[in-house]
Amino acid sequence: MASPPPPSGATQRTRLLLALGIAAVLAVVVIAVVVLSGAEEKHEYAEAPAACIEAWNGNPTTVVLGQHQASAHKYSRVQVVRFGKDGAIAPSTQTSAPCGVVFASSSLDSELAAAAMIQDGETFRALSKQDVPPETLEDLQLDAQDAYNAFIGAGGTIDPL
């Protein structure tokens, strides 16, 4: 059996150009994957009021509540805020407004009392107990997914970002 004739110069050039074309396409794909996967989105948030974190962490009863929120409700991200009227988040300049903690979630907690807490004296209680409608609580929880500024750990304490 005779071996096939050697490829002509035009065939070799075609193969070389095809191989270079494939290599160029692969290089572009690899560069695109590296660039796109390396583009980390920076989490933007308003700083958690330090006095509010101190108020939460400084009260043993509230810390036990935090343990429940972290373990039973599986919360980890929270938005520490100051609350205005009707469950609205007050501007950070309103330092006399009561502290609040919103537990970030993609849906309203079925236990409305677990959605958000507001400072009442030295402790925190459910924001839902202030006749805040479920729609407002849901909006707060949904917004906190992007606006979270702290984490709540299994020990029930809050750590700012």
N, C-alpha and C. Protein backbone atom coordinates (compact mmCIF):
# COMPACT_ATOMS: atom_id res chain seq x y z
N MET A 1 0.82 -1.17 0.00
CA MET A 1 0.00 0.00 0.00
C MET A 1 0.87 1.24 0.00
N ALA A 2 0.53 2.11 -0.84
CA ALA A 2 1.33 3.33 -0.96
C ALA A 2 0.79 4.39 -0.02
N SER A 3 1.69 5.18 0.53
CA SER A 3 1.25 6.26 1.41
C SER A 3 0.72 7.41 0.57
N PRO A 4 -0.19 8.21 1.18
CA PRO A 4 -0.76 9.31 0.42
C PRO A 4 0.32 10.31 0.04
N PRO A 5 0.07 11.00 -1.04
CA PRO A 5 1.07 11.97 -1.47
C PRO A 5 1.19 13.11 -0.45
N PRO A 6 2.37 13.69 -0.31
CA PRO A 6 2.53 14.80 0.64
C PRO A 6 1.63 15.96 0.23
N PRO A 7 1.11 16.70 1.26
CA PRO A 7 0.22 17.80 0.95
C PRO A 7 0.94 18.89 0.17
N SER A 8 0.17 19.53 -0.65
CA SER A 8 0.75 20.61 -1.45
C SER A 8 0.97 21.83 -0.57
N GLY A 9 1.72 22.79 -1.06
CA GLY A 9 2.01 24.02 -0.31
C GLY A 9 0.75 24.77 0.06
N ALA A 10 -0.26 24.78 -0.80
CA ALA A 10 -1.51 25.50 -0.54
C ALA A 10 -2.28 24.82 0.59
N THR A 11 -2.27 23.49 0.64
CA THR A 11 -2.97 22.75 1.68
C THR A 11 -2.30 22.97 3.02
N GLN A 12 -0.98 22.98 3.05
CA GLN A 12 -0.26 23.22 4.30
C GLN A 12 -0.57 24.63 4.82
N ARG A 13 -0.58 25.60 3.93
CA ARG A 13 -0.90 26.99 4.33
C ARG A 13 -2.32 27.08 4.89
N THR A 14 -3.24 26.39 4.28
CA THR A 14 -4.63 26.40 4.75
C THR A 14 -4.71 25.81 6.15
N ARG A 15 -4.04 24.69 6.36
CA ARG A 15 -4.04 24.06 7.68
C ARG A 15 -3.40 24.98 8.72
N LEU A 16 -2.31 25.62 8.36
CA LEU A 16 -1.63 26.53 9.28
C LEU A 16 -2.53 27.72 9.63
N LEU A 17 -3.18 28.29 8.63
CA LEU A 17 -4.08 29.42 8.89
C LEU A 17 -5.26 28.99 9.75
N LEU A 18 -5.78 27.81 9.51
CA LEU A 18 -6.89 27.29 10.30
C LEU A 18 -6.45 27.10 11.76
N ALA A 19 -5.28 26.53 11.96
CA ALA A 19 -4.77 26.32 13.32
C ALA A 19 -4.53 27.65 14.02
N LEU A 20 -3.98 28.63 13.33
CA LEU A 20 -3.77 29.96 13.92
C LEU A 20 -5.09 30.64 14.25
N GLY A 21 -6.07 30.46 13.39
CA GLY A 21 -7.40 31.04 13.64
C GLY A 21 -8.05 30.45 14.88
N ILE A 22 -7.97 29.12 15.00
CA ILE A 22 -8.53 28.44 16.18
C ILE A 22 -7.79 28.90 17.44
N ALA A 23 -6.47 29.00 17.38
CA ALA A 23 -5.68 29.44 18.53
C ALA A 23 -6.06 30.86 18.93
N ALA A 24 -6.27 31.73 17.95
CA ALA A 24 -6.65 33.12 18.25
C ALA A 24 -8.02 33.19 18.92
N VAL A 25 -8.97 32.41 18.42
CA VAL A 25 -10.31 32.39 19.01
C VAL A 25 -10.23 31.87 20.45
N LEU A 26 -9.49 30.81 20.68
CA LEU A 26 -9.33 30.27 22.03
C LEU A 26 -8.68 31.29 22.97
N ALA A 27 -7.69 32.01 22.48
CA ALA A 27 -7.04 33.03 23.31
C ALA A 27 -8.02 34.12 23.69
N VAL A 28 -8.85 34.54 22.76
CA VAL A 28 -9.86 35.58 23.05
C VAL A 28 -10.86 35.07 24.08
N VAL A 29 -11.30 33.83 23.95
CA VAL A 29 -12.25 33.25 24.90
C VAL A 29 -11.63 33.17 26.30
N VAL A 30 -10.40 32.72 26.39
CA VAL A 30 -9.72 32.61 27.69
C VAL A 30 -9.57 33.99 28.33
N ILE A 31 -9.16 34.97 27.57
CA ILE A 31 -9.01 36.33 28.10
C ILE A 31 -10.36 36.87 28.56
N ALA A 32 -11.40 36.65 27.80
CA ALA A 32 -12.74 37.13 28.18
C ALA A 32 -13.20 36.48 29.48
N VAL A 33 -12.99 35.19 29.62
CA VAL A 33 -13.39 34.49 30.84
C VAL A 33 -12.62 35.03 32.04
N VAL A 34 -11.34 35.23 31.90
CA VAL A 34 -10.53 35.74 33.00
C VAL A 34 -10.96 37.15 33.39
N VAL A 35 -11.16 38.00 32.41
CA VAL A 35 -11.56 39.37 32.69
C VAL A 35 -12.94 39.43 33.34
N LEU A 36 -13.90 38.69 32.80
CA LEU A 36 -15.25 38.75 33.33
C LEU A 36 -15.37 38.08 34.69
N SER A 37 -14.65 37.01 34.93
CA SER A 37 -14.74 36.35 36.23
C SER A 37 -13.99 37.11 37.30
N GLY A 38 -13.02 37.89 36.91
CA GLY A 38 -12.25 38.66 37.89
C GLY A 38 -12.90 39.97 38.26
N ALA A 39 -13.95 40.35 37.57
CA ALA A 39 -14.61 41.62 37.84
C ALA A 39 -15.54 41.44 39.04
N GLU A 40 -15.04 41.73 40.22
CA GLU A 40 -15.84 41.61 41.43
C GLU A 40 -16.65 42.87 41.65
N GLU A 41 -17.91 42.66 41.99
CA GLU A 41 -18.76 43.80 42.29
C GLU A 41 -18.51 44.22 43.72
N LYS A 42 -18.30 45.50 43.91
CA LYS A 42 -18.06 46.01 45.26
C LYS A 42 -19.41 46.25 45.93
N HIS A 43 -19.53 45.74 47.16
CA HIS A 43 -20.77 45.90 47.92
C HIS A 43 -20.80 47.30 48.50
N GLU A 44 -21.78 48.08 48.09
CA GLU A 44 -21.92 49.44 48.61
C GLU A 44 -23.02 49.46 49.66
N TYR A 45 -22.75 50.15 50.76
CA TYR A 45 -23.69 50.18 51.87
C TYR A 45 -23.44 51.42 52.73
N ALA A 46 -24.45 51.78 53.50
CA ALA A 46 -24.30 52.85 54.48
C ALA A 46 -23.73 52.22 55.74
N GLU A 47 -22.80 52.91 56.36
CA GLU A 47 -22.17 52.37 57.57
C GLU A 47 -23.21 52.14 58.66
N ALA A 48 -23.08 51.02 59.34
CA ALA A 48 -23.99 50.70 60.45
C ALA A 48 -23.71 51.63 61.61
N PRO A 49 -24.76 52.21 62.20
CA PRO A 49 -24.54 53.09 63.36
C PRO A 49 -23.90 52.32 64.51
N ALA A 50 -22.71 52.74 64.92
CA ALA A 50 -21.97 52.04 65.97
C ALA A 50 -22.76 51.97 67.27
N ALA A 51 -23.47 53.04 67.60
CA ALA A 51 -24.25 53.04 68.84
C ALA A 51 -25.34 51.97 68.82
N CYS A 52 -25.88 51.71 67.65
CA CYS A 52 -26.93 50.69 67.53
C CYS A 52 -26.34 49.29 67.70
N ILE A 53 -25.17 49.06 67.14
CA ILE A 53 -24.51 47.76 67.31
C ILE A 53 -24.15 47.55 68.78
N GLU A 54 -23.65 48.60 69.41
CA GLU A 54 -23.32 48.50 70.84
C GLU A 54 -24.57 48.22 71.67
N ALA A 55 -25.69 48.86 71.31
CA ALA A 55 -26.94 48.64 72.05
C ALA A 55 -27.40 47.19 71.90
N TRP A 56 -27.28 46.63 70.71
CA TRP A 56 -27.68 45.24 70.48
C TRP A 56 -26.75 44.29 71.23
N ASN A 57 -25.45 44.43 70.99
CA ASN A 57 -24.47 43.50 71.56
C ASN A 57 -24.33 43.64 73.08
N GLY A 58 -24.72 44.79 73.61
CA GLY A 58 -24.55 45.03 75.04
C GLY A 58 -25.69 44.53 75.90
N ASN A 59 -26.72 43.96 75.28
CA ASN A 59 -27.87 43.49 76.04
C ASN A 59 -27.98 41.97 75.92
N PRO A 60 -27.79 41.24 77.01
CA PRO A 60 -27.83 39.77 76.93
C PRO A 60 -29.15 39.22 76.38
N THR A 61 -30.26 39.86 76.69
CA THR A 61 -31.56 39.38 76.18
C THR A 61 -31.62 39.53 74.67
N THR A 62 -31.12 40.64 74.18
CA THR A 62 -31.12 40.88 72.73
C THR A 62 -30.17 39.92 72.02
N VAL A 63 -29.05 39.62 72.65
CA VAL A 63 -28.11 38.67 72.05
C VAL A 63 -28.75 37.29 71.93
N VAL A 64 -29.54 36.88 72.93
CA VAL A 64 -30.26 35.60 72.84
C VAL A 64 -31.26 35.65 71.68
N LEU A 65 -31.92 36.79 71.51
CA LEU A 65 -32.82 36.97 70.36
C LEU A 65 -32.03 36.83 69.06
N GLY A 66 -30.84 37.40 69.02
CA GLY A 66 -29.98 37.27 67.85
C GLY A 66 -29.59 35.84 67.56
N GLN A 67 -29.34 35.06 68.61
CA GLN A 67 -29.03 33.64 68.43
C GLN A 67 -30.20 32.92 67.77
N HIS A 68 -31.41 33.25 68.21
CA HIS A 68 -32.61 32.66 67.61
C HIS A 68 -32.72 33.06 66.14
N GLN A 69 -32.50 34.33 65.85
CA GLN A 69 -32.61 34.81 64.47
C GLN A 69 -31.60 34.11 63.57
N ALA A 70 -30.38 33.93 64.08
CA ALA A 70 -29.32 33.31 63.27
C ALA A 70 -29.53 31.81 63.11
N SER A 71 -29.98 31.14 64.16
CA SER A 71 -30.10 29.68 64.08
C SER A 71 -31.46 29.23 63.55
N ALA A 72 -32.54 29.69 64.14
CA ALA A 72 -33.87 29.21 63.73
C ALA A 72 -34.30 29.80 62.39
N HIS A 73 -33.97 31.07 62.15
CA HIS A 73 -34.40 31.73 60.92
C HIS A 73 -33.30 31.76 59.85
N LYS A 74 -32.11 31.32 60.22
CA LYS A 74 -30.97 31.23 59.29
C LYS A 74 -30.53 32.58 58.73
N TYR A 75 -30.68 33.65 59.50
CA TYR A 75 -30.22 34.96 59.05
C TYR A 75 -28.73 35.12 59.29
N SER A 76 -28.05 35.78 58.37
CA SER A 76 -26.64 36.11 58.56
C SER A 76 -26.36 37.57 58.20
N ARG A 77 -27.07 38.10 57.21
CA ARG A 77 -26.87 39.49 56.80
C ARG A 77 -27.97 40.36 57.40
N VAL A 78 -27.54 41.48 57.96
CA VAL A 78 -28.50 42.41 58.55
C VAL A 78 -28.18 43.83 58.12
N GLN A 79 -29.21 44.65 58.15
CA GLN A 79 -29.03 46.07 57.90
C GLN A 79 -29.36 46.78 59.22
N VAL A 80 -28.33 47.40 59.81
CA VAL A 80 -28.51 48.13 61.05
C VAL A 80 -28.82 49.57 60.67
N VAL A 81 -29.94 50.08 61.18
CA VAL A 81 -30.45 51.40 60.76
C VAL A 81 -30.98 52.16 61.97
N ARG A 82 -31.51 53.31 61.68
CA ARG A 82 -32.35 54.04 62.62
C ARG A 82 -33.72 54.14 61.95
N PHE A 83 -34.77 53.92 62.74
CA PHE A 83 -36.12 53.94 62.19
C PHE A 83 -36.82 55.26 62.47
N GLY A 84 -37.54 55.71 61.45
CA GLY A 84 -38.43 56.86 61.59
C GLY A 84 -39.83 56.35 61.84
N LYS A 85 -40.79 57.12 61.41
CA LYS A 85 -42.20 56.74 61.61
C LYS A 85 -42.61 55.65 60.64
N ASP A 86 -43.56 54.86 61.07
CA ASP A 86 -44.20 53.84 60.23
C ASP A 86 -43.23 52.84 59.62
N GLY A 87 -42.12 52.60 60.28
CA GLY A 87 -41.18 51.61 59.79
C GLY A 87 -40.26 52.09 58.69
N ALA A 88 -40.27 53.38 58.41
CA ALA A 88 -39.38 53.93 57.38
C ALA A 88 -37.97 54.09 57.98
N ILE A 89 -36.97 53.87 57.16
CA ILE A 89 -35.60 54.06 57.61
C ILE A 89 -35.32 55.56 57.66
N ALA A 90 -34.85 56.01 58.81
CA ALA A 90 -34.54 57.43 59.01
C ALA A 90 -33.17 57.75 58.43
N PRO A 91 -32.95 59.00 58.05
CA PRO A 91 -31.61 59.39 57.59
C PRO A 91 -30.58 59.17 58.71
N SER A 92 -29.37 58.87 58.33
CA SER A 92 -28.33 58.58 59.31
C SER A 92 -28.03 59.77 60.22
N THR A 93 -28.43 60.96 59.78
CA THR A 93 -28.20 62.16 60.59
C THR A 93 -29.14 62.25 61.78
N GLN A 94 -30.20 61.45 61.77
CA GLN A 94 -31.17 61.47 62.87
C GLN A 94 -30.72 60.50 63.96
N THR A 95 -29.72 60.92 64.70
CA THR A 95 -29.13 60.04 65.71
C THR A 95 -30.04 59.82 66.92
N SER A 96 -31.11 60.61 67.03
CA SER A 96 -32.04 60.40 68.15
C SER A 96 -33.14 59.40 67.79
N ALA A 97 -33.22 59.01 66.52
CA ALA A 97 -34.21 58.02 66.10
C ALA A 97 -33.83 56.66 66.66
N PRO A 98 -34.82 55.81 66.97
CA PRO A 98 -34.49 54.50 67.55
C PRO A 98 -33.72 53.61 66.58
N CYS A 99 -32.83 52.82 67.15
CA CYS A 99 -32.05 51.87 66.35
C CYS A 99 -32.96 50.76 65.84
N GLY A 100 -32.54 50.17 64.74
CA GLY A 100 -33.28 49.05 64.19
C GLY A 100 -32.36 48.06 63.51
N VAL A 101 -32.84 46.85 63.39
CA VAL A 101 -32.11 45.79 62.69
C VAL A 101 -33.11 45.11 61.76
N VAL A 102 -32.76 45.10 60.47
CA VAL A 102 -33.58 44.44 59.46
C VAL A 102 -32.82 43.18 59.03
N PHE A 103 -33.51 42.06 59.00
CA PHE A 103 -32.90 40.79 58.65
C PHE A 103 -33.11 40.53 57.16
N ALA A 104 -32.01 40.54 56.41
CA ALA A 104 -32.07 40.42 54.95
C ALA A 104 -32.66 39.08 54.53
N SER A 105 -33.62 39.15 53.59
CA SER A 105 -34.26 37.94 53.10
C SER A 105 -34.88 38.21 51.73
N SER A 106 -34.99 37.15 50.94
CA SER A 106 -35.60 37.28 49.61
C SER A 106 -37.12 37.23 49.68
N SER A 107 -37.65 36.97 50.87
CA SER A 107 -39.10 36.97 51.05
C SER A 107 -39.42 37.32 52.50
N LEU A 108 -40.63 37.76 52.72
CA LEU A 108 -41.05 38.13 54.06
C LEU A 108 -41.05 36.90 54.96
N ASP A 109 -40.48 37.05 56.13
CA ASP A 109 -40.46 35.96 57.11
C ASP A 109 -41.90 35.62 57.49
N SER A 110 -42.23 34.34 57.51
CA SER A 110 -43.59 33.94 57.86
C SER A 110 -43.93 34.31 59.30
N GLU A 111 -42.91 34.47 60.12
CA GLU A 111 -43.09 34.97 61.48
C GLU A 111 -42.79 36.47 61.41
N LEU A 112 -43.83 37.28 61.23
CA LEU A 112 -43.64 38.72 61.00
C LEU A 112 -42.74 39.37 62.04
N ALA A 113 -42.82 38.90 63.27
CA ALA A 113 -42.02 39.48 64.34
C ALA A 113 -40.52 39.30 64.11
N ALA A 114 -40.13 38.38 63.24
CA ALA A 114 -38.71 38.12 63.00
C ALA A 114 -38.13 38.95 61.85
N ALA A 115 -38.93 39.71 61.16
CA ALA A 115 -38.46 40.46 59.98
C ALA A 115 -37.53 41.61 60.34
N ALA A 116 -37.89 42.36 61.37
CA ALA A 116 -37.10 43.53 61.76
C ALA A 116 -37.36 43.85 63.22
N MET A 117 -36.35 44.41 63.87
CA MET A 117 -36.46 44.77 65.28
C MET A 117 -36.19 46.27 65.44
N ILE A 118 -36.82 46.86 66.46
CA ILE A 118 -36.62 48.27 66.77
C ILE A 118 -36.27 48.40 68.24
N GLN A 119 -35.38 49.32 68.53
CA GLN A 119 -34.96 49.53 69.92
C GLN A 119 -36.10 50.15 70.71
N ASP A 120 -36.28 49.59 71.92
CA ASP A 120 -37.30 50.09 72.84
C ASP A 120 -36.64 50.13 74.21
N GLY A 121 -36.15 51.29 74.57
CA GLY A 121 -35.39 51.41 75.81
C GLY A 121 -34.06 50.71 75.65
N GLU A 122 -33.79 49.74 76.51
CA GLU A 122 -32.51 49.05 76.45
C GLU A 122 -32.57 47.75 75.65
N THR A 123 -33.74 47.38 75.18
CA THR A 123 -33.86 46.13 74.44
C THR A 123 -34.45 46.41 73.06
N PHE A 124 -34.62 45.37 72.29
CA PHE A 124 -35.21 45.48 70.96
C PHE A 124 -36.47 44.64 70.94
N ARG A 125 -37.46 45.08 70.16
CA ARG A 125 -38.69 44.31 70.01
C ARG A 125 -39.09 44.33 68.54
N ALA A 126 -40.04 43.51 68.21
CA ALA A 126 -40.45 43.36 66.81
C ALA A 126 -41.04 44.65 66.27
N LEU A 127 -40.56 45.05 65.09
CA LEU A 127 -41.11 46.23 64.43
C LEU A 127 -42.57 46.00 64.06
N SER A 128 -42.94 44.75 63.81
CA SER A 128 -44.32 44.43 63.45
C SER A 128 -45.30 44.78 64.57
N LYS A 129 -44.83 44.87 65.80
CA LYS A 129 -45.69 45.20 66.94
C LYS A 129 -46.07 46.69 66.94
N GLN A 130 -45.48 47.47 66.04
CA GLN A 130 -45.82 48.89 65.93
C GLN A 130 -46.80 49.13 64.79
N ASP A 131 -47.58 48.15 64.47
CA ASP A 131 -48.58 48.24 63.40
C ASP A 131 -47.96 48.61 62.05
N VAL A 132 -46.75 48.15 61.81
CA VAL A 132 -46.12 48.32 60.51
C VAL A 132 -46.69 47.23 59.60
N PRO A 133 -47.24 47.61 58.45
CA PRO A 133 -47.88 46.61 57.58
C PRO A 133 -46.88 45.59 57.03
N PRO A 134 -47.36 44.38 56.75
CA PRO A 134 -46.49 43.33 56.20
C PRO A 134 -45.77 43.76 54.92
N GLU A 135 -46.42 44.56 54.10
CA GLU A 135 -45.78 45.02 52.85
C GLU A 135 -44.52 45.82 53.14
N THR A 136 -44.58 46.65 54.17
CA THR A 136 -43.41 47.45 54.55
C THR A 136 -42.31 46.55 55.09
N LEU A 137 -42.69 45.58 55.91
CA LEU A 137 -41.70 44.64 56.44
C LEU A 137 -41.03 43.86 55.31
N GLU A 138 -41.83 43.43 54.34
CA GLU A 138 -41.28 42.70 53.20
C GLU A 138 -40.31 43.58 52.41
N ASP A 139 -40.71 44.83 52.15
CA ASP A 139 -39.82 45.75 51.42
C ASP A 139 -38.51 45.95 52.17
N LEU A 140 -38.59 46.09 53.49
CA LEU A 140 -37.38 46.26 54.29
C LEU A 140 -36.47 45.04 54.15
N GLN A 141 -37.03 43.85 54.25
CA GLN A 141 -36.22 42.64 54.14
C GLN A 141 -35.60 42.49 52.76
N LEU A 142 -36.39 42.77 51.73
CA LEU A 142 -35.87 42.67 50.36
C LEU A 142 -34.75 43.67 50.13
N ASP A 143 -34.96 44.92 50.57
CA ASP A 143 -33.95 45.96 50.38
C ASP A 143 -32.67 45.65 51.15
N ALA A 144 -32.81 45.01 52.30
CA ALA A 144 -31.64 44.69 53.13
C ALA A 144 -30.72 43.68 52.45
N GLN A 145 -31.23 42.93 51.48
CA GLN A 145 -30.37 41.99 50.75
C GLN A 145 -29.23 42.72 50.06
N ASP A 146 -29.50 43.93 49.56
CA ASP A 146 -28.47 44.72 48.89
C ASP A 146 -27.83 45.74 49.82
N ALA A 147 -28.58 46.19 50.82
CA ALA A 147 -28.10 47.28 51.68
C ALA A 147 -27.53 46.79 53.01
N TYR A 148 -27.37 45.48 53.18
CA TYR A 148 -26.87 44.98 54.46
C TYR A 148 -25.52 45.65 54.79
N ASN A 149 -25.33 45.91 56.08
CA ASN A 149 -24.11 46.58 56.51
C ASN A 149 -23.47 45.88 57.72
N ALA A 150 -23.95 44.68 58.02
CA ALA A 150 -23.41 43.93 59.15
C ALA A 150 -23.81 42.46 59.01
N PHE A 151 -23.17 41.64 59.84
CA PHE A 151 -23.49 40.22 59.91
C PHE A 151 -23.92 39.89 61.33
N ILE A 152 -24.83 38.95 61.45
CA ILE A 152 -25.19 38.44 62.75
C ILE A 152 -24.70 37.01 62.82
N GLY A 153 -23.96 36.69 63.84
CA GLY A 153 -23.37 35.36 63.97
C GLY A 153 -24.22 34.44 64.83
N ALA A 154 -23.81 33.18 64.88
CA ALA A 154 -24.54 32.18 65.65
C ALA A 154 -24.59 32.55 67.13
N GLY A 155 -23.62 33.33 67.60
CA GLY A 155 -23.61 33.77 68.99
C GLY A 155 -24.59 34.88 69.28
N GLY A 156 -25.24 35.41 68.22
CA GLY A 156 -26.28 36.43 68.39
C GLY A 156 -25.78 37.86 68.37
N THR A 157 -24.48 38.06 68.26
CA THR A 157 -23.95 39.43 68.20
C THR A 157 -23.85 39.89 66.76
N ILE A 158 -23.83 41.20 66.61
CA ILE A 158 -23.75 41.82 65.28
C ILE A 158 -22.36 42.38 65.08
N ASP A 159 -21.79 42.10 63.91
CA ASP A 159 -20.49 42.63 63.53
C ASP A 159 -20.64 43.48 62.29
N PRO A 160 -20.20 44.75 62.34
CA PRO A 160 -20.33 45.62 61.17
C PRO A 160 -19.38 45.19 60.06
N LEU A 161 -19.71 45.58 58.84
CA LEU A 161 -18.80 45.31 57.71
C LEU A 161 -17.61 46.24 57.80
